[in-house]
Amino acid sequence: MKMAAKATLLSRGSRFAAGDDLYALAEALIPVQGQKLTETGIAIGIPQGTYARIAPRSSLAFKESIGIGGGVIDADYTGEVKVIIMNHGKKGYQVQEGDQIAQMIIEK
């Protein structure tokens, strides 16, 4: 798996943040009323009895009409975390390498 040279791969916005920010590994154009599976360049291991939920970023949802599809990563999944970005807007949305695209929350 290739890793981003310039982009941050995972971060927490603050000490009390509910989840970790996920970043785009590469540029992608999300067409009007379309969707795209976007790579993050990370794989995770989470404890048995939990799952990771991929959630939208409030600012993208409000300002750009960007949503997240799918969104559940089971504890036994070992592959790359990818994000389904959905564009509900009236214009294409350009994702740049390193953009924050979603957040990942570990839940029981």
N, C-alpha and C. Protein backbone atom coordinates (compact mmCIF):
# COMPACT_ATOMS: atom_id res chain seq x y z
N MET A 1 0.85 -1.16 0.00
CA MET A 1 0.00 0.00 0.00
C MET A 1 0.90 1.23 0.00
N LYS A 2 0.60 2.19 -0.88
CA LYS A 2 1.39 3.41 -0.88
C LYS A 2 0.92 4.34 0.23
N MET A 3 1.83 5.10 0.75
CA MET A 3 1.51 6.03 1.84
C MET A 3 1.73 7.46 1.35
N ALA A 4 0.94 8.37 1.85
CA ALA A 4 1.07 9.77 1.46
C ALA A 4 2.37 10.35 1.97
N ALA A 5 3.09 11.03 1.11
CA ALA A 5 4.34 11.65 1.52
C ALA A 5 4.08 12.98 2.23
N LYS A 6 3.09 13.74 1.77
CA LYS A 6 2.84 15.07 2.30
C LYS A 6 1.68 15.11 3.28
N ALA A 7 0.74 14.23 3.14
CA ALA A 7 -0.52 14.33 3.88
C ALA A 7 -0.44 13.70 5.27
N THR A 8 -1.16 14.29 6.21
CA THR A 8 -1.39 13.66 7.50
C THR A 8 -2.38 12.54 7.26
N LEU A 9 -2.23 11.42 7.93
CA LEU A 9 -3.11 10.28 7.70
C LEU A 9 -4.23 10.17 8.72
N LEU A 10 -3.98 10.58 9.96
CA LEU A 10 -4.97 10.45 11.02
C LEU A 10 -4.60 11.42 12.13
N SER A 11 -5.58 12.13 12.65
CA SER A 11 -5.30 13.04 13.76
C SER A 11 -6.55 13.24 14.59
N ARG A 12 -6.36 13.76 15.78
CA ARG A 12 -7.47 14.08 16.69
C ARG A 12 -7.48 15.60 16.83
N GLY A 13 -8.65 16.21 16.59
CA GLY A 13 -8.76 17.66 16.59
C GLY A 13 -8.53 18.31 17.95
N SER A 14 -8.90 17.61 19.01
CA SER A 14 -8.69 18.13 20.36
C SER A 14 -8.65 16.97 21.34
N ARG A 15 -8.29 17.24 22.55
CA ARG A 15 -8.19 16.20 23.58
C ARG A 15 -9.52 15.50 23.83
N PHE A 16 -10.63 16.22 23.68
CA PHE A 16 -11.94 15.64 23.95
C PHE A 16 -12.74 15.33 22.69
N ALA A 17 -12.11 15.32 21.55
CA ALA A 17 -12.79 15.01 20.29
C ALA A 17 -13.35 13.58 20.33
N ALA A 18 -14.53 13.40 19.77
CA ALA A 18 -15.18 12.09 19.76
C ALA A 18 -14.47 11.10 18.84
N GLY A 19 -13.84 11.61 17.80
CA GLY A 19 -13.22 10.72 16.83
C GLY A 19 -11.93 11.30 16.27
N ASP A 20 -11.35 10.55 15.36
CA ASP A 20 -10.13 10.94 14.67
C ASP A 20 -10.47 11.42 13.27
N ASP A 21 -9.80 12.46 12.81
CA ASP A 21 -10.01 12.96 11.46
C ASP A 21 -9.32 12.04 10.46
N LEU A 22 -10.00 11.76 9.35
CA LEU A 22 -9.44 10.99 8.25
C LEU A 22 -9.12 11.93 7.11
N TYR A 23 -8.04 11.67 6.40
CA TYR A 23 -7.55 12.54 5.35
C TYR A 23 -7.48 11.79 4.02
N ALA A 24 -7.69 12.52 2.93
CA ALA A 24 -7.61 11.93 1.60
C ALA A 24 -6.16 11.65 1.24
N LEU A 25 -5.92 10.48 0.70
CA LEU A 25 -4.57 10.10 0.27
C LEU A 25 -4.21 10.76 -1.06
N ALA A 26 -5.22 11.03 -1.89
CA ALA A 26 -4.97 11.58 -3.23
C ALA A 26 -6.14 12.47 -3.64
N GLU A 27 -5.93 13.23 -4.69
CA GLU A 27 -6.98 14.08 -5.25
C GLU A 27 -8.10 13.21 -5.82
N ALA A 28 -9.32 13.75 -5.77
CA ALA A 28 -10.47 13.07 -6.36
C ALA A 28 -11.54 14.09 -6.66
N LEU A 29 -12.24 13.92 -7.76
CA LEU A 29 -13.37 14.76 -8.10
C LEU A 29 -14.64 13.98 -7.80
N ILE A 30 -15.49 14.54 -6.94
CA ILE A 30 -16.77 13.91 -6.62
C ILE A 30 -17.82 14.61 -7.49
N PRO A 31 -18.39 13.91 -8.47
CA PRO A 31 -19.30 14.57 -9.40
C PRO A 31 -20.62 14.97 -8.73
N VAL A 32 -21.31 15.90 -9.36
CA VAL A 32 -22.63 16.33 -8.89
C VAL A 32 -23.53 15.10 -8.73
N GLN A 33 -24.15 14.97 -7.57
CA GLN A 33 -25.07 13.87 -7.27
C GLN A 33 -24.39 12.51 -7.42
N GLY A 34 -23.06 12.47 -7.30
CA GLY A 34 -22.31 11.23 -7.45
C GLY A 34 -21.56 10.89 -6.17
N GLN A 35 -20.77 9.84 -6.27
CA GLN A 35 -19.99 9.39 -5.12
C GLN A 35 -18.67 8.82 -5.59
N LYS A 36 -17.71 8.73 -4.67
CA LYS A 36 -16.41 8.16 -4.99
C LYS A 36 -15.83 7.49 -3.75
N LEU A 37 -15.25 6.32 -3.93
CA LEU A 37 -14.55 5.63 -2.86
C LEU A 37 -13.15 6.23 -2.78
N THR A 38 -12.81 6.81 -1.63
CA THR A 38 -11.59 7.58 -1.48
C THR A 38 -10.65 6.90 -0.50
N GLU A 39 -9.39 6.72 -0.90
CA GLU A 39 -8.39 6.07 -0.06
C GLU A 39 -7.89 7.01 1.03
N THR A 40 -7.55 6.41 2.19
CA THR A 40 -6.97 7.18 3.29
C THR A 40 -5.51 6.78 3.57
N GLY A 41 -5.11 5.61 3.11
CA GLY A 41 -3.74 5.16 3.35
C GLY A 41 -3.49 4.57 4.71
N ILE A 42 -4.56 4.29 5.48
CA ILE A 42 -4.36 3.71 6.82
C ILE A 42 -5.13 2.40 6.94
N ALA A 43 -4.65 1.55 7.82
CA ALA A 43 -5.35 0.35 8.25
C ALA A 43 -5.33 0.39 9.77
N ILE A 44 -6.39 -0.09 10.39
CA ILE A 44 -6.48 -0.02 11.85
C ILE A 44 -6.76 -1.39 12.43
N GLY A 45 -6.50 -1.53 13.69
CA GLY A 45 -6.90 -2.70 14.46
C GLY A 45 -7.69 -2.17 15.63
N ILE A 46 -8.89 -2.67 15.82
CA ILE A 46 -9.71 -2.19 16.93
C ILE A 46 -10.10 -3.36 17.82
N PRO A 47 -10.37 -3.10 19.09
CA PRO A 47 -10.67 -4.18 20.03
C PRO A 47 -11.94 -4.96 19.66
N GLN A 48 -11.93 -6.24 19.98
CA GLN A 48 -13.12 -7.07 19.80
C GLN A 48 -14.25 -6.44 20.62
N GLY A 49 -15.47 -6.48 20.09
CA GLY A 49 -16.61 -5.90 20.77
C GLY A 49 -16.83 -4.44 20.42
N THR A 50 -16.00 -3.90 19.52
CA THR A 50 -16.17 -2.53 19.05
C THR A 50 -16.23 -2.52 17.53
N TYR A 51 -16.57 -1.37 16.99
CA TYR A 51 -16.49 -1.15 15.55
C TYR A 51 -16.13 0.31 15.33
N ALA A 52 -15.64 0.64 14.17
CA ALA A 52 -15.35 2.03 13.83
C ALA A 52 -16.47 2.54 12.94
N ARG A 53 -16.97 3.71 13.26
CA ARG A 53 -18.02 4.35 12.46
C ARG A 53 -17.39 5.53 11.73
N ILE A 54 -17.58 5.56 10.42
CA ILE A 54 -17.09 6.67 9.61
C ILE A 54 -18.23 7.68 9.50
N ALA A 55 -17.98 8.88 9.97
CA ALA A 55 -19.02 9.91 10.04
C ALA A 55 -18.60 11.12 9.21
N PRO A 56 -19.60 11.88 8.74
CA PRO A 56 -19.27 13.09 7.98
C PRO A 56 -18.69 14.19 8.86
N ARG A 57 -18.00 15.11 8.23
CA ARG A 57 -17.54 16.33 8.90
C ARG A 57 -18.65 17.36 8.77
N SER A 58 -19.04 17.95 9.86
CA SER A 58 -20.15 18.90 9.87
C SER A 58 -19.93 20.04 8.89
N SER A 59 -18.71 20.56 8.82
CA SER A 59 -18.45 21.70 7.94
C SER A 59 -18.64 21.33 6.47
N LEU A 60 -18.21 20.13 6.06
CA LEU A 60 -18.41 19.71 4.67
C LEU A 60 -19.89 19.45 4.38
N ALA A 61 -20.58 18.89 5.34
CA ALA A 61 -22.01 18.62 5.16
C ALA A 61 -22.78 19.92 4.95
N PHE A 62 -22.49 20.91 5.78
CA PHE A 62 -23.24 22.17 5.73
C PHE A 62 -22.82 23.04 4.55
N LYS A 63 -21.52 23.25 4.38
CA LYS A 63 -21.02 24.19 3.38
C LYS A 63 -21.01 23.63 1.97
N GLU A 64 -20.75 22.33 1.82
CA GLU A 64 -20.54 21.74 0.50
C GLU A 64 -21.53 20.64 0.13
N SER A 65 -22.47 20.32 1.00
CA SER A 65 -23.45 19.24 0.77
C SER A 65 -22.77 17.89 0.55
N ILE A 66 -21.70 17.63 1.32
CA ILE A 66 -20.95 16.39 1.21
C ILE A 66 -21.36 15.45 2.35
N GLY A 67 -21.72 14.22 2.00
CA GLY A 67 -22.07 13.21 2.98
C GLY A 67 -21.13 12.02 2.88
N ILE A 68 -21.31 11.09 3.79
CA ILE A 68 -20.49 9.87 3.84
C ILE A 68 -21.43 8.67 3.76
N GLY A 69 -21.10 7.70 2.91
CA GLY A 69 -21.91 6.49 2.79
C GLY A 69 -21.23 5.33 3.48
N GLY A 70 -21.97 4.23 3.59
CA GLY A 70 -21.41 3.04 4.27
C GLY A 70 -21.12 3.37 5.70
N GLY A 71 -19.90 3.29 6.09
CA GLY A 71 -19.48 3.85 7.35
C GLY A 71 -19.29 2.93 8.52
N VAL A 72 -19.26 1.61 8.33
CA VAL A 72 -19.01 0.71 9.45
C VAL A 72 -17.78 -0.15 9.13
N ILE A 73 -16.83 -0.17 10.06
CA ILE A 73 -15.65 -1.02 9.93
C ILE A 73 -15.68 -2.01 11.09
N ASP A 74 -15.83 -3.28 10.78
CA ASP A 74 -15.90 -4.33 11.80
C ASP A 74 -14.53 -4.55 12.45
N ALA A 75 -14.55 -5.09 13.66
CA ALA A 75 -13.32 -5.32 14.43
C ALA A 75 -12.35 -6.27 13.72
N ASP A 76 -12.86 -7.17 12.89
CA ASP A 76 -11.97 -8.13 12.22
C ASP A 76 -11.51 -7.67 10.84
N TYR A 77 -11.88 -6.45 10.43
CA TYR A 77 -11.43 -5.93 9.14
C TYR A 77 -9.99 -5.44 9.26
N THR A 78 -9.13 -5.87 8.34
CA THR A 78 -7.71 -5.52 8.43
C THR A 78 -7.22 -4.75 7.21
N GLY A 79 -8.09 -4.46 6.27
CA GLY A 79 -7.68 -3.74 5.06
C GLY A 79 -7.61 -2.24 5.26
N GLU A 80 -7.36 -1.55 4.16
CA GLU A 80 -7.29 -0.08 4.20
C GLU A 80 -8.66 0.52 4.49
N VAL A 81 -8.68 1.54 5.31
CA VAL A 81 -9.91 2.30 5.57
C VAL A 81 -10.13 3.21 4.37
N LYS A 82 -11.29 3.07 3.74
CA LYS A 82 -11.67 3.92 2.61
C LYS A 82 -12.98 4.61 2.96
N VAL A 83 -13.20 5.76 2.37
CA VAL A 83 -14.36 6.57 2.68
C VAL A 83 -15.19 6.76 1.42
N ILE A 84 -16.49 6.48 1.51
CA ILE A 84 -17.41 6.74 0.40
C ILE A 84 -17.89 8.18 0.56
N ILE A 85 -17.42 9.06 -0.31
CA ILE A 85 -17.82 10.46 -0.27
C ILE A 85 -18.96 10.66 -1.26
N MET A 86 -20.06 11.22 -0.78
CA MET A 86 -21.24 11.45 -1.61
C MET A 86 -21.47 12.95 -1.76
N ASN A 87 -21.67 13.39 -2.99
CA ASN A 87 -21.89 14.81 -3.27
C ASN A 87 -23.37 15.04 -3.53
N HIS A 88 -24.05 15.67 -2.58
CA HIS A 88 -25.47 15.99 -2.72
C HIS A 88 -25.66 17.39 -3.28
N GLY A 89 -24.58 18.06 -3.63
CA GLY A 89 -24.63 19.45 -4.08
C GLY A 89 -24.94 19.60 -5.55
N LYS A 90 -24.89 20.85 -6.00
CA LYS A 90 -25.21 21.21 -7.38
C LYS A 90 -23.97 21.52 -8.20
N LYS A 91 -22.79 21.27 -7.63
CA LYS A 91 -21.53 21.43 -8.37
C LYS A 91 -20.56 20.34 -7.92
N GLY A 92 -19.63 20.00 -8.81
CA GLY A 92 -18.62 19.00 -8.46
C GLY A 92 -17.80 19.46 -7.27
N TYR A 93 -17.31 18.51 -6.50
CA TYR A 93 -16.49 18.82 -5.33
C TYR A 93 -15.11 18.21 -5.51
N GLN A 94 -14.09 19.05 -5.46
CA GLN A 94 -12.71 18.60 -5.64
C GLN A 94 -12.06 18.33 -4.30
N VAL A 95 -11.65 17.09 -4.08
CA VAL A 95 -10.90 16.71 -2.89
C VAL A 95 -9.42 16.81 -3.24
N GLN A 96 -8.66 17.46 -2.37
CA GLN A 96 -7.22 17.57 -2.55
C GLN A 96 -6.52 16.57 -1.63
N GLU A 97 -5.33 16.12 -2.03
CA GLU A 97 -4.53 15.27 -1.16
C GLU A 97 -4.34 15.98 0.18
N GLY A 98 -4.60 15.28 1.28
CA GLY A 98 -4.42 15.85 2.60
C GLY A 98 -5.65 16.53 3.17
N ASP A 99 -6.74 16.63 2.39
CA ASP A 99 -7.98 17.23 2.92
C ASP A 99 -8.59 16.33 3.98
N GLN A 100 -9.14 16.94 5.03
CA GLN A 100 -9.93 16.19 6.00
C GLN A 100 -11.25 15.83 5.33
N ILE A 101 -11.56 14.54 5.27
CA ILE A 101 -12.75 14.12 4.52
C ILE A 101 -13.82 13.50 5.39
N ALA A 102 -13.48 13.00 6.56
CA ALA A 102 -14.45 12.34 7.43
C ALA A 102 -13.84 12.20 8.80
N GLN A 103 -14.61 11.65 9.72
CA GLN A 103 -14.07 11.32 11.03
C GLN A 103 -14.41 9.88 11.38
N MET A 104 -13.54 9.25 12.15
CA MET A 104 -13.71 7.86 12.53
C MET A 104 -13.90 7.80 14.04
N ILE A 105 -15.01 7.17 14.45
CA ILE A 105 -15.36 7.09 15.86
C ILE A 105 -15.43 5.62 16.24
N ILE A 106 -14.72 5.22 17.30
CA ILE A 106 -14.76 3.85 17.78
C ILE A 106 -15.92 3.73 18.76
N GLU A 107 -16.82 2.74 18.52
CA GLU A 107 -18.01 2.54 19.36
C GLU A 107 -18.14 1.08 19.75
N LYS A 108 -18.87 0.85 20.86
CA LYS A 108 -19.18 -0.52 21.30
C LYS A 108 -20.45 -0.97 20.64
